[in-house]
Protein backbone atom coordinates (compact mmCIF):
# COMPACT_ATOMS: atom_id res chain seq x y z
CA UNK A 1 75.21 83.41 134.44
CA UNK A 2 78.03 85.06 132.38
CA UNK A 3 80.65 83.32 134.78
CA UNK A 4 78.85 79.98 134.26
CA UNK A 5 79.19 80.27 130.47
CA UNK A 6 83.12 81.31 130.63
CA UNK A 7 83.20 77.92 132.51
CA UNK A 8 81.53 75.98 130.64
CA UNK A 9 83.61 77.08 127.54
CA UNK A 10 86.83 76.72 129.58
CA UNK A 11 86.06 73.27 130.23
CA UNK A 12 86.17 72.45 126.45
CA UNK A 13 89.67 73.76 125.98
CA UNK A 14 92.20 70.71 126.69
CA UNK A 15 95.44 72.57 125.71
CA UNK A 16 95.98 70.76 122.46
CA UNK A 17 99.07 71.61 120.26
CA UNK A 18 101.18 70.74 117.31
CA UNK A 19 104.47 71.22 119.47
CA UNK A 20 106.58 68.63 119.71
CA UNK A 21 109.65 68.04 121.79
CA UNK A 22 112.88 69.24 121.05
CA UNK A 23 114.67 65.84 120.86
CA UNK A 24 111.87 64.38 118.79
CA UNK A 25 112.53 67.28 116.34
CA UNK A 26 116.01 66.86 116.24
CA UNK A 27 115.41 63.16 115.08
CA UNK A 28 112.98 64.10 112.57
CA UNK A 29 116.10 66.83 111.17
CA UNK A 30 118.53 64.05 111.38
CA UNK A 31 116.12 61.75 109.64
CA UNK A 32 115.30 64.46 106.96
CA UNK A 33 119.03 65.32 106.56
CA UNK A 34 119.83 61.58 106.05
CA UNK A 35 117.27 61.30 103.35
CA UNK A 36 118.50 64.46 101.52
CA UNK A 37 121.74 63.56 101.56
CA UNK A 38 121.42 60.00 99.83
CA UNK A 39 119.37 61.85 97.47
CA UNK A 40 121.79 63.86 96.37
CA UNK A 41 124.68 61.15 96.57
CA UNK A 42 122.67 59.35 93.98
CA UNK A 43 121.37 61.90 91.63
CA UNK A 44 123.24 61.20 88.94
CA UNK A 45 122.55 57.52 89.02
CA UNK A 46 119.65 55.39 87.48
CA UNK A 47 116.84 56.54 85.41
CA UNK A 48 115.49 60.29 85.64
CA UNK A 49 111.95 59.68 85.20
CA UNK A 50 109.88 56.90 87.18
CA UNK A 51 108.94 54.01 85.01
CA UNK A 52 105.20 54.03 86.39
CA UNK A 53 102.63 55.61 84.47
CA UNK A 54 100.35 58.96 86.03
CA UNK A 55 97.54 56.16 86.86
CA UNK A 56 100.06 53.95 88.51
CA UNK A 57 101.55 56.98 90.53
CA UNK A 58 98.12 57.95 91.47
CA UNK A 59 97.30 54.29 92.68
CA UNK A 60 100.52 54.38 94.66
CA UNK A 61 99.59 57.40 97.16
CA UNK A 62 95.91 56.83 97.22
CA UNK A 63 94.40 56.66 100.86
CA UNK A 64 91.75 58.14 102.75
CA UNK A 65 91.83 61.27 104.44
CA UNK A 66 93.93 60.50 107.74
CA UNK A 67 91.77 60.82 110.99
CA UNK A 68 94.41 59.40 113.69
CA UNK A 69 98.01 60.37 114.44
CA UNK A 70 100.97 58.69 112.81
CA UNK A 71 104.60 58.86 113.63
CA UNK A 72 106.73 61.18 111.87
CA UNK A 73 109.70 58.98 111.38
CA UNK A 74 107.20 56.40 109.35
CA UNK A 75 105.64 59.35 107.25
CA UNK A 76 109.09 60.42 106.44
CA UNK A 77 110.31 56.82 105.43
CA UNK A 78 106.91 56.64 103.60
CA UNK A 79 107.83 59.74 101.85
CA UNK A 80 111.23 58.34 100.52
CA UNK A 81 109.79 54.77 99.46
CA UNK A 82 106.66 56.36 97.57
CA UNK A 83 107.66 60.15 96.64
CA UNK A 84 111.19 60.76 96.33
CA UNK A 85 111.77 57.26 94.59
CA UNK A 86 109.15 58.06 92.06
CA UNK A 87 110.19 61.78 91.56
CA UNK A 88 111.77 63.36 88.40
CA UNK A 89 115.40 63.87 89.15
CA UNK A 90 115.86 67.42 88.31
CA UNK A 91 119.27 67.85 89.18
CA UNK A 92 120.35 64.78 86.86
CA UNK A 93 123.32 66.27 84.73
CA UNK A 94 121.66 64.35 81.77
CA UNK A 95 118.42 66.07 82.23
CA UNK A 96 118.80 68.87 79.33
CA UNK A 97 115.17 69.14 77.98
CA UNK A 98 113.72 71.73 79.85
CA UNK A 99 115.11 74.88 81.42
CA UNK A 100 115.09 73.56 84.92
CA UNK A 101 117.96 74.21 86.93
CA UNK A 102 119.94 71.93 89.45
CA UNK A 103 118.91 73.81 92.89
CA UNK A 104 121.68 74.51 95.26
CA UNK A 105 122.30 72.59 98.10
CA UNK A 106 122.62 75.44 100.67
CA UNK A 107 119.09 76.45 98.90
CA UNK A 108 117.56 73.26 100.38
CA UNK A 109 118.41 74.13 103.79
CA UNK A 110 117.38 77.57 103.16
CA UNK A 111 113.84 76.47 102.61
CA UNK A 112 113.60 74.31 105.81
CA UNK A 113 114.92 77.30 107.89
CA UNK A 114 112.31 79.77 105.97
CA UNK A 115 109.55 77.27 106.67
CA UNK A 116 110.51 76.71 110.42
CA UNK A 117 110.56 80.32 111.18
CA UNK A 118 107.47 81.01 109.05
CA UNK A 119 107.43 84.56 107.71
CA UNK A 120 104.78 86.39 105.73
CA UNK A 121 106.98 88.76 103.80
CA UNK A 122 103.87 91.15 103.39
CA UNK A 123 104.55 93.92 105.86
CA UNK A 124 107.36 96.05 106.87
CA UNK A 125 106.44 94.68 110.69
CA UNK A 126 108.23 91.47 109.48
CA UNK A 127 111.39 93.97 109.32
CA UNK A 128 114.16 91.04 108.56
CA UNK A 129 112.44 89.23 106.07
CA UNK A 130 111.45 92.05 104.09
CA UNK A 131 114.81 93.48 104.41
CA UNK A 132 116.35 90.46 103.22
CA UNK A 133 114.16 90.52 100.13
CA UNK A 134 115.10 94.09 99.52
CA UNK A 135 118.89 93.40 99.52
CA UNK A 136 118.58 90.62 97.31
CA UNK A 137 116.36 92.94 94.81
CA UNK A 138 119.23 95.51 95.24
CA UNK A 139 121.83 92.67 94.05
CA UNK A 140 119.70 91.57 91.13
CA UNK A 141 119.75 95.10 90.09
CA UNK A 142 123.24 95.28 90.58
CA UNK A 143 124.00 92.30 88.46
CA UNK A 144 121.87 93.63 85.46
CA UNK A 145 122.96 97.19 85.59
CA UNK A 146 119.05 98.19 86.28
CA UNK A 147 118.32 101.59 87.54
CA UNK A 148 118.90 101.65 91.27
CA UNK A 149 115.73 103.37 92.32
CA UNK A 150 113.55 100.71 90.42
CA UNK A 151 111.16 98.42 92.44
CA UNK A 152 110.96 94.63 92.53
CA UNK A 153 109.37 91.96 94.37
CA UNK A 154 109.75 87.96 94.25
CA UNK A 155 107.18 85.77 92.82
CA UNK A 156 106.76 82.16 92.21
CA UNK A 157 108.39 82.15 88.60
CA UNK A 158 108.65 83.76 85.22
CA UNK A 159 104.64 83.31 84.68
CA UNK A 160 103.61 85.38 87.48
CA UNK A 161 106.65 87.84 87.35
CA UNK A 162 105.42 88.63 83.44
CA UNK A 163 102.08 88.87 84.41
CA UNK A 164 102.80 91.43 87.28
CA UNK A 165 104.73 93.35 84.44
CA UNK A 166 101.87 93.61 82.20
CA UNK A 167 99.10 94.62 84.49
CA UNK A 168 101.63 97.73 85.55
CA UNK A 169 102.19 98.30 81.92
CA UNK A 170 98.30 98.46 81.42
CA UNK A 171 97.56 100.29 84.25
CA UNK A 172 100.38 102.86 83.56
CA UNK A 173 99.79 102.99 79.85
CA UNK A 174 96.03 103.20 79.42
CA UNK A 175 94.38 106.43 78.84
CA UNK A 176 92.21 106.40 81.75
CA UNK A 177 92.31 104.76 85.05
CA UNK A 178 91.86 101.38 84.58
CA UNK A 179 92.44 100.62 88.37
CA UNK A 180 88.85 102.49 89.51
CA UNK A 181 86.80 102.08 86.02
CA UNK A 182 88.02 98.75 84.92
CA UNK A 183 88.47 97.66 81.17
CA UNK A 184 85.00 98.24 80.15
CA UNK A 185 86.01 101.71 79.72
CA UNK A 186 88.44 101.49 76.79
CA UNK A 187 87.94 103.53 73.80
CA UNK A 188 90.61 101.75 71.86
CA UNK A 189 91.85 98.54 71.93
CA UNK A 190 95.10 98.26 73.46
CA UNK A 191 97.71 96.58 71.51
CA UNK A 192 100.72 94.44 72.76
CA UNK A 193 103.40 93.20 70.81
CA UNK A 194 105.50 90.08 71.34
CA UNK A 195 107.57 87.98 69.02
CA UNK A 196 106.23 84.82 67.28
CA UNK A 197 108.49 83.11 69.76
CA UNK A 198 107.13 84.18 72.90
CA UNK A 199 106.49 82.47 75.96
CA UNK A 200 103.04 81.04 76.23
CA UNK A 201 102.53 82.98 79.67
CA UNK A 202 102.20 86.14 77.85
CA UNK A 203 99.09 85.24 75.96
CA UNK A 204 97.63 83.81 79.49
CA UNK A 205 98.59 87.27 80.88
CA UNK A 206 96.72 89.31 78.28
CA UNK A 207 93.50 86.84 78.50
CA UNK A 208 93.41 87.59 82.18
CA UNK A 209 94.35 90.85 82.32
CA UNK A 210 91.43 91.75 79.72
CA UNK A 211 93.55 92.63 77.05
CA UNK A 212 92.41 89.86 75.14
CA UNK A 213 94.32 87.55 72.77
CA UNK A 214 93.18 88.99 69.46
CA UNK A 215 95.00 92.43 70.58
CA UNK A 216 98.45 90.86 70.48
CA UNK A 217 100.31 91.06 67.60
CA UNK A 218 102.72 88.35 66.59
CA UNK A 219 105.59 90.01 65.27
CA UNK A 220 107.89 87.99 62.88
CA UNK A 221 111.35 86.47 63.51
CA UNK A 222 114.46 86.71 61.53
CA UNK A 223 116.53 83.87 60.44
CA UNK A 224 118.13 83.54 63.98
CA UNK A 225 114.60 83.80 65.54
CA UNK A 226 114.80 87.22 67.15
CA UNK A 227 112.07 89.73 66.90
CA UNK A 228 111.93 91.39 63.34
CA UNK A 229 112.41 95.19 64.09
CA UNK A 230 111.01 95.88 60.48
CA UNK A 231 107.87 94.00 61.11
CA UNK A 232 107.36 95.34 64.72
CA UNK A 233 107.42 99.11 63.04
CA UNK A 234 105.04 98.34 60.48
CA UNK A 235 102.71 96.58 62.81
CA UNK A 236 102.97 99.56 65.11
CA UNK A 237 102.09 101.89 62.44
CA UNK A 238 99.13 99.86 61.04
CA UNK A 239 97.44 100.08 64.21
CA UNK A 240 98.03 103.36 64.93
CA UNK A 241 96.30 103.92 61.19
CA UNK A 242 93.57 101.92 62.32
CA UNK A 243 92.65 104.16 65.52
CA UNK A 244 94.07 101.19 67.89
CA UNK A 245 96.00 101.93 71.00
CA UNK A 246 99.26 100.27 70.78
CA UNK A 247 100.67 100.29 74.11
CA UNK A 248 103.71 97.87 75.10
CA UNK A 249 105.98 95.44 73.45
CA UNK A 250 107.43 92.05 75.31
CA UNK A 251 111.05 91.20 73.96
CA UNK A 252 112.82 88.17 75.09
CA UNK A 253 116.05 87.68 76.36
CA UNK A 254 116.52 83.82 75.79
CA UNK A 255 113.47 82.22 73.96
CA UNK A 256 112.27 79.06 75.32
CA UNK A 257 112.70 77.24 71.71
CA UNK A 258 116.25 78.46 70.70
CA UNK A 259 117.87 80.69 73.31
CA UNK A 260 117.51 83.87 70.80
CA UNK A 261 117.79 87.06 72.38
CA UNK A 262 115.71 89.80 70.78
CA UNK A 263 117.50 93.11 69.61
CA UNK A 264 117.04 94.78 73.15
CA UNK A 265 118.54 98.25 72.01
CA UNK A 266 116.60 98.57 68.76
CA UNK A 267 113.36 97.38 70.42
CA UNK A 268 113.95 100.14 73.02
CA UNK A 269 114.22 102.64 70.56
CA UNK A 270 111.09 102.02 68.82
CA UNK A 271 109.33 101.94 72.34
CA UNK A 272 110.87 105.30 73.14
CA UNK A 273 110.02 106.64 69.49
CA UNK A 274 106.06 105.50 69.92
CA UNK A 275 105.79 105.93 73.68
CA UNK A 276 105.25 102.35 74.14
CA UNK A 277 106.32 100.43 77.50
CA UNK A 278 109.05 97.86 77.03
CA UNK A 279 108.90 94.66 79.07
CA UNK A 280 111.65 92.33 78.49
CA UNK A 281 111.00 88.41 79.53
CA UNK A 282 114.49 87.54 80.84
CA UNK A 283 113.45 84.42 82.83
CA UNK A 284 115.65 82.32 81.20
CA UNK A 285 118.61 84.90 79.91
CA UNK A 286 118.71 87.71 82.39
CA UNK A 287 121.32 86.09 84.42
CA UNK A 288 123.69 85.63 81.80
CA UNK A 289 124.53 89.04 82.59
CA UNK A 290 126.80 87.67 85.33
CA UNK A 291 128.96 86.21 82.33
CA UNK A 292 131.29 89.26 80.47
CA UNK A 293 130.87 87.01 77.39
CA UNK A 294 127.38 87.38 77.19
CA UNK A 295 126.26 90.78 78.84
CA UNK A 296 127.15 92.32 75.53
CA UNK A 297 124.36 90.29 73.96
CA UNK A 298 121.87 91.90 76.61
CA UNK A 299 122.69 95.44 75.60
CA UNK A 300 119.48 97.51 76.06
CA UNK A 301 117.92 95.36 78.74
CA UNK A 302 118.61 97.85 81.40
CA UNK A 303 116.56 100.51 79.15
CA UNK A 304 113.30 98.36 79.79
CA UNK A 305 110.51 99.43 81.80
CA UNK A 306 110.05 96.31 83.19
CA UNK A 307 111.87 92.82 83.39
CA UNK A 308 110.78 89.16 84.25
CA UNK A 309 113.29 87.06 85.93
CA UNK A 310 113.86 83.37 87.11
CA UNK A 311 116.57 82.99 90.12
CA UNK A 312 115.44 79.23 89.68
CA UNK A 313 116.96 78.86 86.50
CA UNK A 314 120.47 80.62 86.23
CA UNK A 315 120.91 81.40 89.70
CA UNK A 316 120.50 77.69 90.22
CA UNK A 317 117.73 78.51 93.59
CA UNK A 318 115.53 75.37 94.32
CA UNK A 319 111.75 75.83 93.12
CA UNK A 320 110.18 78.59 93.38
CA UNK A 321 111.77 81.87 92.81
CA UNK A 322 111.01 84.55 90.24
CA UNK A 323 111.19 88.32 90.11
CA UNK A 324 109.95 91.30 88.75
CA UNK A 325 111.54 94.69 88.28
CA UNK A 326 109.75 97.62 87.37
CA UNK A 327 111.92 101.03 86.46
CA UNK A 328 109.24 103.15 88.17
CA UNK A 329 108.20 102.18 91.85
CA UNK A 330 105.13 104.32 91.58
CA UNK A 331 103.79 102.63 88.75
CA UNK A 332 103.45 99.23 90.78
CA UNK A 333 102.40 101.02 93.70
CA UNK A 334 99.22 102.99 91.57
CA UNK A 335 98.40 99.35 90.01
CA UNK A 336 98.68 97.15 93.33
CA UNK A 337 98.07 99.42 96.13
CA UNK A 338 94.79 98.89 98.06
CA UNK A 339 94.27 100.60 101.43
CA UNK A 340 92.90 98.17 104.36
CA UNK A 341 92.76 99.53 107.85
CA UNK A 342 93.70 96.13 109.42
CA UNK A 343 97.15 96.31 107.50
CA UNK A 344 98.41 99.96 106.95
CA UNK A 345 98.54 101.08 110.30
CA UNK A 346 100.89 104.15 110.08
CA UNK A 347 102.65 105.71 113.08
CA UNK A 348 105.42 108.35 113.13
CA UNK A 349 107.80 105.25 113.85
CA UNK A 350 107.07 103.67 110.49
CA UNK A 351 107.03 106.63 108.33
CA UNK A 352 110.35 107.97 110.27
CA UNK A 353 111.83 104.68 109.64
CA UNK A 354 110.76 104.40 105.69
CA UNK A 355 108.77 101.19 106.33
CA UNK A 356 107.77 99.34 103.01
CA UNK A 357 104.95 96.75 102.76
CA UNK A 358 105.80 94.52 99.80
CA UNK A 359 102.33 93.44 99.81
CA UNK A 360 101.79 96.94 97.94
CA UNK A 361 103.88 95.73 95.03
CA UNK A 362 102.34 92.87 94.04
CA UNK A 363 98.74 90.78 93.94
CA UNK A 364 99.97 88.58 96.98
CA UNK A 365 99.47 89.44 100.55
CA UNK A 366 100.53 85.83 101.65
CA UNK A 367 104.20 85.77 101.11
CA UNK A 368 106.57 83.10 101.73
CA UNK A 369 110.43 83.87 102.50
CA UNK A 370 111.92 83.07 98.94
CA UNK A 371 114.68 85.37 99.52
CA UNK A 372 116.33 83.42 102.25
CA UNK A 373 117.47 80.70 99.84
CA UNK A 374 118.63 83.47 97.20
CA UNK A 375 120.68 85.26 99.91
CA UNK A 376 122.36 82.22 101.15
CA UNK A 377 123.46 81.03 97.61
CA UNK A 378 124.97 84.45 96.54
CA UNK A 379 126.64 84.42 99.75
CA UNK A 380 128.12 81.07 99.80
CA UNK A 381 129.34 81.21 95.67
CA UNK A 382 129.50 84.81 95.01
CA UNK A 383 129.03 86.39 91.31
CA UNK A 384 132.56 85.13 90.16
CA UNK A 385 131.81 81.31 90.87
CA UNK A 386 128.36 82.10 89.09
CA UNK A 387 130.31 83.46 86.23
CA UNK A 388 132.25 80.38 85.48
CA UNK A 389 129.46 77.94 85.90
CA UNK A 390 127.14 79.95 83.62
CA UNK A 391 130.09 80.36 81.27
CA UNK A 392 130.63 76.45 81.54
CA UNK A 393 126.96 75.92 80.59
CA UNK A 394 127.33 78.10 77.56
CA UNK A 395 130.43 76.25 76.45
CA UNK A 396 128.94 72.55 76.93
CA UNK A 397 126.15 73.58 74.68
CA UNK A 398 128.55 75.01 72.16
CA UNK A 399 130.69 71.74 72.54
CA UNK A 400 127.56 69.87 71.55
CA UNK A 401 127.20 71.80 68.52
CA UNK A 402 130.80 71.14 67.21
CA UNK A 403 130.15 67.48 67.97
CA UNK A 404 126.98 67.63 65.92
CA UNK A 405 128.86 69.60 63.32
CA UNK A 406 131.86 66.87 63.05
CA UNK A 407 129.09 63.92 62.84
CA UNK A 408 128.14 62.64 59.61
CA UNK A 409 124.57 61.71 61.07
CA UNK A 410 123.47 64.63 62.98
CA UNK A 411 122.42 68.20 61.65
CA UNK A 412 122.42 71.50 63.71
CA UNK A 413 119.12 73.30 63.00
CA UNK A 414 119.87 76.26 65.23
CA UNK A 415 123.37 77.17 66.73
CA UNK A 416 124.21 77.33 70.27
CA UNK A 417 122.40 80.30 71.89
CA UNK A 418 122.99 81.33 75.55
CA UNK A 419 122.95 77.29 76.55
CA UNK A 420 120.24 76.10 73.96
CA UNK A 421 121.29 74.05 70.76
CA UNK A 422 118.27 72.80 68.47
CA UNK A 423 119.60 69.57 66.44
CA UNK A 424 118.30 66.64 64.65
CA UNK A 425 119.48 63.03 63.95
CA UNK A 426 119.84 62.25 60.11
CA UNK A 427 121.15 58.84 58.81
CA UNK A 428 124.42 59.49 56.69
CA UNK A 429 122.99 58.46 53.70
CA UNK A 430 119.73 60.77 53.86
CA UNK A 431 122.02 63.58 54.78
CA UNK A 432 124.52 63.48 51.92
CA UNK A 433 121.23 63.36 49.54
CA UNK A 434 119.46 66.15 51.33
CA UNK A 435 122.83 68.29 51.06
CA UNK A 436 122.62 67.59 47.12
CA UNK A 437 118.85 68.41 46.87
CA UNK A 438 117.21 71.73 45.96
CA UNK A 439 115.01 73.29 48.74
CA UNK A 440 111.84 71.88 47.05
CA UNK A 441 113.07 68.18 46.68
CA UNK A 442 114.16 68.26 50.46
CA UNK A 443 110.19 67.99 51.37
CA UNK A 444 110.31 64.30 51.31
CA UNK A 445 113.29 63.59 53.40
CA UNK A 446 111.91 66.32 55.92
CA UNK A 447 108.92 64.28 56.34
CA UNK A 448 110.74 61.06 56.94
CA UNK A 449 113.07 62.54 59.33
CA UNK A 450 110.67 64.69 61.30
CA UNK A 451 108.94 61.37 62.01
CA UNK A 452 112.16 59.50 62.56
CA UNK A 453 113.12 62.40 65.28
CA UNK A 454 109.75 62.52 66.80
CA UNK A 455 110.13 58.43 67.48
CA UNK A 456 113.61 58.74 68.66
CA UNK A 457 112.47 61.38 71.51
CA UNK A 458 109.43 59.05 72.22
CA UNK A 459 112.35 56.30 72.87
CA UNK A 460 114.41 58.79 74.88
CA UNK A 461 111.68 59.63 77.18
CA UNK A 462 110.87 55.60 77.56
CA UNK A 463 114.40 54.70 78.14
CA UNK A 464 115.19 57.71 80.54
CA UNK A 465 118.76 57.58 80.59
CA UNK A 466 119.02 60.86 79.39
CA UNK A 467 116.18 63.60 78.90
CA UNK A 468 116.11 65.95 75.74
CA UNK A 469 113.03 67.80 74.69
CA UNK A 470 111.62 68.63 71.32
CA UNK A 471 110.22 71.75 69.15
CA UNK A 472 109.20 72.47 65.70
CA UNK A 473 111.26 74.94 63.60
CA UNK A 474 110.03 75.91 60.43
CA UNK A 475 108.26 72.77 59.94
CA UNK A 476 111.34 70.65 61.00
CA UNK A 477 111.05 68.21 64.13
CA UNK A 478 114.15 68.97 66.12
CA UNK A 479 115.60 67.74 69.35
CA UNK A 480 116.49 70.28 71.71
CA UNK A 481 119.04 70.54 74.66
CA UNK A 482 119.26 73.22 76.97
CA UNK A 483 121.92 72.99 79.77
CA UNK A 484 121.20 74.98 83.11
CA UNK A 485 122.74 72.43 85.11
CA UNK A 486 125.87 72.42 87.21
CA UNK A 487 126.58 68.95 87.39
CA UNK A 488 126.32 68.48 83.68
CA UNK A 489 130.08 67.29 82.32
CA UNK A 490 131.69 67.16 78.86
CA UNK A 491 131.39 63.42 79.18
CA UNK A 492 127.53 63.66 79.68
CA UNK A 493 127.37 65.63 76.53
CA UNK A 494 129.47 62.93 74.52
CA UNK A 495 127.43 60.31 76.09
CA UNK A 496 124.28 62.06 74.89
CA UNK A 497 125.26 62.23 71.48
CA UNK A 498 126.23 58.51 71.34
CA UNK A 499 122.82 57.17 72.77
CA UNK A 500 120.91 59.43 70.61
CA UNK A 501 122.39 57.78 67.92
CA UNK A 502 122.24 54.34 69.10
CA UNK A 503 118.50 54.76 69.20
CA UNK A 504 118.17 56.68 66.16
CA UNK A 505 120.38 53.60 64.38
CA UNK A 506 117.88 51.11 65.74
CA UNK A 507 114.26 53.30 64.89
CA UNK A 508 115.80 54.37 61.46
CA UNK A 509 116.29 50.52 60.62
CA UNK A 510 112.38 49.84 61.82
CA UNK A 511 110.74 53.01 60.17
CA UNK A 512 112.93 52.97 56.95
CA UNK A 513 111.05 50.06 55.24
CA UNK A 514 107.88 52.25 55.26
CA UNK A 515 109.48 55.16 53.79
């Protein structure tokens, strides 16, 4: 009977496979490479955004779930016509609204190679991929002058890096075992201190980690939008006096709004005095450590208990590539390690060879080979080339600031910090009136100029010749430029100002009648 059953099952097995003939794979490769080369060749041309609406995009690709096979060549052709031709040109030299970088070309191919070998970088038995990630972490620590004994891991981006660091901070600083007892055993509210300019992923993390957004203290910023030391200290003392439990401070090295770098050394002193965990969100500004000109502004970064970084910003790595560093490796292990018999098979050989399972250092067990594209990019360009390109980005922002300062119809709101500058268009006659008025009489002009610049940014997005972003600083609606792009040139900066001026003049004529 048993033999008969196995025969019946054997007859059901038809040796189906997804394998392809090597020559067919090669042809797919040629077609894909041609597609990518054409994309890079034309990335500086045409509009940055598609002119289609979100509904039109969805309609363009809607189709039933495929049931039958299709040829790879036709799929790739469809990908080009529908997907690539309607995607945001992230590497366009005039896309300067978001802190998103032009990815390296070699990083593109690294992603393809990583997908081909399909490594799950979770266990030390995946030895080569694990070793490359560990090497990349060592390189990153060296760039930052961070503790050589620190632990680190690659993640999807800054949000997950910040989340991971705060999870470690919470577990490390709690006065009981959060890992085993959960947050319902807490006797005092754990208080987290952040700047008013903190990234929105921090309150998200506080929510998910059970800290609660009501237990976040938003510390005031100074006139340069840096965390105010006096207010931080005052809030810590107030919470202590009310029998709450201050446990961590989040400082920022490169805020999203203005590029401000908090006074890291002073904050580190306070954290040391009050026994608080110092976490630095350096997703944007951390790799400016590669620039000798900027590194002094990051003094104190290496004193942090943990740091969040984004290689997909100023290392120009294609998405996704985030990183978290934690000074004490034991804190990471105590937070994330969970034994599983099907994973943790310790042998004499594994112990003697110092095997390390990266899945023990974060939430993820399934982990893609992100390190390969960082490894290949750093090897191709080296730190000296990176320093020159980062300095160039910073100088381009400073160049824009100088042009704005020299213009009769623009106004600098915040000077170039790192590579971010905030400014606004203000018609020449209104600018002259504004400069002669007292503060309380400037409100009416501000109200109109805010409306004008909001209309300008809407027109910029619609025209899509350039892409800037906006924010609000002390009630002033501003245009925001962030240069994290190795394709941007001086001419692009000049053209951006010219385009904004043209849009501003046309828009002002329409709106001024109602003013």
